[in-house]
Amino acid sequence: AYLAGSVALKIGLIRQQAGDVAGAERAYRDAVAGLTPAGRDDRPPPVVGEQAFARYLLAGLLADTGRPADARRVVDETMADLRRVFDRPGG
């Protein structure tokens, strides 16, 4: 269920290393979306961590391209998501 998001994260890393900032941003956003199931959130911790890493990379890219407010929004989303996931029973 999370394979597309995982692959998109790796594509983002490759694109960023190649200097394709716009392509990396799209891939990181695809990764974030692909690592969140629609309508439910019973993701195992490694998937939650992978999504947090995708958001971390996206936030860094946004900050590096002069969009600190957008980067902050991504960081805030990450923190809210981590709180929600790890505050659930068994989290």
N, C-alpha and C. Protein backbone atom coordinates (compact mmCIF):
# COMPACT_ATOMS: atom_id res chain seq x y z
N ALA A 1 0.81 -1.20 0.00
CA ALA A 1 0.00 0.00 0.00
C ALA A 1 0.86 1.27 0.00
N TYR A 2 2.08 1.17 0.48
CA TYR A 2 2.94 2.35 0.61
C TYR A 2 4.07 2.38 -0.40
N LEU A 3 4.10 1.41 -1.29
CA LEU A 3 5.22 1.30 -2.23
C LEU A 3 5.39 2.54 -3.10
N ALA A 4 4.29 3.08 -3.61
CA ALA A 4 4.39 4.26 -4.48
C ALA A 4 5.01 5.43 -3.73
N GLY A 5 4.63 5.63 -2.48
CA GLY A 5 5.21 6.71 -1.70
C GLY A 5 6.68 6.49 -1.43
N SER A 6 7.05 5.26 -1.14
CA SER A 6 8.44 4.92 -0.89
C SER A 6 9.31 5.14 -2.13
N VAL A 7 8.80 4.74 -3.27
CA VAL A 7 9.52 4.94 -4.53
C VAL A 7 9.63 6.43 -4.84
N ALA A 8 8.55 7.18 -4.62
CA ALA A 8 8.58 8.63 -4.88
C ALA A 8 9.64 9.31 -4.02
N LEU A 9 9.80 8.87 -2.78
CA LEU A 9 10.83 9.44 -1.91
C LEU A 9 12.21 9.23 -2.52
N LYS A 10 12.48 8.04 -2.99
CA LYS A 10 13.78 7.75 -3.59
C LYS A 10 14.00 8.54 -4.87
N ILE A 11 12.95 8.70 -5.65
CA ILE A 11 13.04 9.52 -6.87
C ILE A 11 13.35 10.96 -6.50
N GLY A 12 12.72 11.46 -5.44
CA GLY A 12 13.01 12.82 -4.98
C GLY A 12 14.46 13.00 -4.61
N LEU A 13 15.02 12.04 -3.90
CA LEU A 13 16.44 12.11 -3.53
C LEU A 13 17.33 12.16 -4.77
N ILE A 14 17.03 11.32 -5.74
CA ILE A 14 17.82 11.28 -6.97
C ILE A 14 17.69 12.59 -7.73
N ARG A 15 16.47 13.10 -7.84
CA ARG A 15 16.27 14.35 -8.56
C ARG A 15 16.96 15.52 -7.86
N GLN A 16 16.90 15.54 -6.54
CA GLN A 16 17.56 16.62 -5.82
C GLN A 16 19.07 16.55 -6.01
N GLN A 17 19.65 15.36 -5.96
CA GLN A 17 21.08 15.21 -6.18
C GLN A 17 21.47 15.62 -7.59
N ALA A 18 20.56 15.45 -8.54
CA ALA A 18 20.82 15.82 -9.94
C ALA A 18 20.59 17.30 -10.20
N GLY A 19 20.12 18.03 -9.19
CA GLY A 19 19.87 19.46 -9.36
C GLY A 19 18.49 19.80 -9.88
N ASP A 20 17.61 18.83 -9.98
CA ASP A 20 16.24 19.05 -10.46
C ASP A 20 15.35 19.39 -9.25
N VAL A 21 15.39 20.64 -8.84
CA VAL A 21 14.68 21.07 -7.63
C VAL A 21 13.17 20.91 -7.78
N ALA A 22 12.63 21.34 -8.91
CA ALA A 22 11.18 21.24 -9.12
C ALA A 22 10.74 19.78 -9.14
N GLY A 23 11.51 18.93 -9.79
CA GLY A 23 11.19 17.51 -9.84
C GLY A 23 11.29 16.86 -8.47
N ALA A 24 12.29 17.26 -7.70
CA ALA A 24 12.44 16.73 -6.34
C ALA A 24 11.26 17.15 -5.47
N GLU A 25 10.86 18.40 -5.59
CA GLU A 25 9.72 18.87 -4.79
C GLU A 25 8.46 18.07 -5.12
N ARG A 26 8.20 17.87 -6.40
CA ARG A 26 7.02 17.08 -6.80
C ARG A 26 7.11 15.66 -6.25
N ALA A 27 8.27 15.06 -6.34
CA ALA A 27 8.44 13.68 -5.87
C ALA A 27 8.26 13.60 -4.35
N TYR A 28 8.80 14.57 -3.62
CA TYR A 28 8.64 14.56 -2.16
C TYR A 28 7.16 14.73 -1.79
N ARG A 29 6.47 15.60 -2.50
CA ARG A 29 5.03 15.77 -2.23
C ARG A 29 4.26 14.48 -2.56
N ASP A 30 4.65 13.82 -3.66
CA ASP A 30 4.03 12.54 -4.01
C ASP A 30 4.32 11.49 -2.92
N ALA A 31 5.53 11.53 -2.38
CA ALA A 31 5.90 10.58 -1.32
C ALA A 31 5.04 10.80 -0.08
N VAL A 32 4.89 12.05 0.32
CA VAL A 32 4.08 12.37 1.49
C VAL A 32 2.65 11.86 1.28
N ALA A 33 2.09 12.13 0.11
CA ALA A 33 0.73 11.69 -0.19
C ALA A 33 0.64 10.16 -0.26
N GLY A 34 1.62 9.53 -0.86
CA GLY A 34 1.59 8.08 -1.03
C GLY A 34 1.81 7.31 0.25
N LEU A 35 2.39 7.97 1.24
CA LEU A 35 2.63 7.31 2.52
C LEU A 35 1.53 7.59 3.54
N THR A 36 0.42 8.16 3.06
CA THR A 36 -0.75 8.40 3.91
C THR A 36 -1.95 7.76 3.25
N PRO A 37 -2.50 6.72 3.85
CA PRO A 37 -3.67 6.09 3.25
C PRO A 37 -4.90 6.99 3.38
N ALA A 38 -5.73 6.97 2.38
CA ALA A 38 -6.95 7.78 2.40
C ALA A 38 -7.95 7.19 3.39
N GLY A 39 -8.43 8.02 4.30
CA GLY A 39 -9.51 7.63 5.18
C GLY A 39 -9.14 6.80 6.40
N ARG A 40 -7.86 6.43 6.54
CA ARG A 40 -7.48 5.66 7.72
C ARG A 40 -6.01 5.93 8.04
N ASP A 41 -5.65 5.63 9.27
CA ASP A 41 -4.26 5.82 9.64
C ASP A 41 -3.82 4.74 10.63
N ASP A 42 -3.57 3.57 10.08
CA ASP A 42 -3.05 2.48 10.89
C ASP A 42 -1.66 2.08 10.38
N ARG A 43 -0.92 3.10 9.93
CA ARG A 43 0.41 2.85 9.37
C ARG A 43 1.35 2.29 10.43
N PRO A 44 2.20 1.35 10.02
CA PRO A 44 3.22 0.88 10.95
C PRO A 44 4.28 1.97 11.16
N PRO A 45 4.96 1.96 12.30
CA PRO A 45 5.95 3.00 12.59
C PRO A 45 6.99 3.25 11.49
N PRO A 46 7.51 2.23 10.79
CA PRO A 46 8.48 2.54 9.73
C PRO A 46 7.91 3.41 8.62
N VAL A 47 6.64 3.23 8.31
CA VAL A 47 6.00 4.06 7.27
C VAL A 47 5.83 5.49 7.77
N VAL A 48 5.45 5.62 9.02
CA VAL A 48 5.33 6.96 9.62
C VAL A 48 6.69 7.65 9.58
N GLY A 49 7.73 6.92 9.92
CA GLY A 49 9.08 7.49 9.89
C GLY A 49 9.52 7.87 8.49
N GLU A 50 9.19 7.04 7.52
CA GLU A 50 9.56 7.34 6.14
C GLU A 50 8.84 8.60 5.65
N GLN A 51 7.57 8.75 6.03
CA GLN A 51 6.85 9.95 5.65
C GLN A 51 7.45 11.19 6.33
N ALA A 52 7.81 11.05 7.60
CA ALA A 52 8.44 12.17 8.30
C ALA A 52 9.74 12.56 7.61
N PHE A 53 10.51 11.57 7.14
CA PHE A 53 11.74 11.85 6.43
C PHE A 53 11.46 12.56 5.10
N ALA A 54 10.41 12.14 4.39
CA ALA A 54 10.04 12.81 3.14
C ALA A 54 9.67 14.27 3.41
N ARG A 55 8.93 14.50 4.48
CA ARG A 55 8.56 15.87 4.83
C ARG A 55 9.79 16.68 5.24
N TYR A 56 10.71 16.05 5.96
CA TYR A 56 11.96 16.71 6.36
C TYR A 56 12.72 17.19 5.13
N LEU A 57 12.85 16.30 4.14
CA LEU A 57 13.56 16.66 2.91
C LEU A 57 12.82 17.76 2.15
N LEU A 58 11.50 17.65 2.10
CA LEU A 58 10.70 18.67 1.44
C LEU A 58 10.86 20.02 2.14
N ALA A 59 10.80 20.03 3.45
CA ALA A 59 10.96 21.29 4.20
C ALA A 59 12.33 21.90 3.95
N GLY A 60 13.36 21.08 3.93
CA GLY A 60 14.70 21.58 3.65
C GLY A 60 14.80 22.18 2.26
N LEU A 61 14.21 21.52 1.29
CA LEU A 61 14.22 22.03 -0.08
C LEU A 61 13.47 23.36 -0.16
N LEU A 62 12.33 23.43 0.50
CA LEU A 62 11.55 24.68 0.48
C LEU A 62 12.33 25.82 1.14
N ALA A 63 12.97 25.53 2.25
CA ALA A 63 13.77 26.56 2.93
C ALA A 63 14.94 27.00 2.06
N ASP A 64 15.59 26.04 1.40
CA ASP A 64 16.73 26.36 0.54
C ASP A 64 16.34 27.16 -0.69
N THR A 65 15.07 27.12 -1.07
CA THR A 65 14.62 27.86 -2.25
C THR A 65 13.83 29.11 -1.86
N GLY A 66 14.06 29.59 -0.64
CA GLY A 66 13.48 30.88 -0.23
C GLY A 66 12.02 30.84 0.15
N ARG A 67 11.53 29.71 0.60
CA ARG A 67 10.13 29.59 1.00
C ARG A 67 10.02 29.11 2.45
N PRO A 68 10.53 29.92 3.39
CA PRO A 68 10.55 29.48 4.79
C PRO A 68 9.15 29.26 5.38
N ALA A 69 8.17 30.04 4.97
CA ALA A 69 6.82 29.86 5.51
C ALA A 69 6.25 28.51 5.08
N ASP A 70 6.49 28.13 3.83
CA ASP A 70 6.04 26.83 3.35
C ASP A 70 6.78 25.71 4.07
N ALA A 71 8.07 25.90 4.30
CA ALA A 71 8.86 24.91 5.02
C ALA A 71 8.32 24.73 6.44
N ARG A 72 8.01 25.84 7.08
CA ARG A 72 7.48 25.78 8.45
C ARG A 72 6.15 25.03 8.48
N ARG A 73 5.31 25.25 7.48
CA ARG A 73 4.02 24.57 7.40
C ARG A 73 4.23 23.05 7.29
N VAL A 74 5.20 22.63 6.50
CA VAL A 74 5.48 21.21 6.35
C VAL A 74 5.99 20.62 7.67
N VAL A 75 6.86 21.35 8.37
CA VAL A 75 7.36 20.89 9.66
C VAL A 75 6.21 20.78 10.67
N ASP A 76 5.34 21.78 10.68
CA ASP A 76 4.19 21.74 11.58
C ASP A 76 3.28 20.55 11.29
N GLU A 77 3.06 20.25 10.00
CA GLU A 77 2.27 19.08 9.61
C GLU A 77 2.92 17.80 10.11
N THR A 78 4.23 17.75 10.00
CA THR A 78 4.97 16.57 10.45
C THR A 78 4.79 16.36 11.95
N MET A 79 4.96 17.42 12.71
CA MET A 79 4.83 17.31 14.16
C MET A 79 3.42 16.91 14.56
N ALA A 80 2.41 17.49 13.92
CA ALA A 80 1.02 17.14 14.23
C ALA A 80 0.75 15.68 13.90
N ASP A 81 1.27 15.22 12.77
CA ASP A 81 1.07 13.84 12.36
C ASP A 81 1.76 12.88 13.34
N LEU A 82 2.98 13.19 13.72
CA LEU A 82 3.70 12.32 14.66
C LEU A 82 3.00 12.25 16.00
N ARG A 83 2.50 13.39 16.47
CA ARG A 83 1.75 13.39 17.74
C ARG A 83 0.50 12.51 17.64
N ARG A 84 -0.23 12.67 16.55
CA ARG A 84 -1.47 11.92 16.35
C ARG A 84 -1.19 10.42 16.31
N VAL A 85 -0.16 10.03 15.58
CA VAL A 85 0.15 8.62 15.42
C VAL A 85 0.67 8.00 16.70
N PHE A 86 1.56 8.69 17.39
CA PHE A 86 2.17 8.09 18.57
C PHE A 86 1.35 8.29 19.84
N ASP A 87 0.31 9.10 19.77
CA ASP A 87 -0.60 9.24 20.91
C ASP A 87 -1.74 8.24 20.86
N ARG A 88 -1.89 7.54 19.73
CA ARG A 88 -2.96 6.54 19.63
C ARG A 88 -2.58 5.31 20.46
N PRO A 89 -3.57 4.54 20.86
CA PRO A 89 -3.29 3.33 21.64
C PRO A 89 -2.34 2.41 20.87
N GLY A 90 -1.32 1.98 21.54
CA GLY A 90 -0.32 1.10 20.92
C GLY A 90 0.72 1.84 20.11
N GLY A 91 0.64 3.21 20.08
CA GLY A 91 1.58 4.01 19.29
C GLY A 91 2.88 4.27 19.95
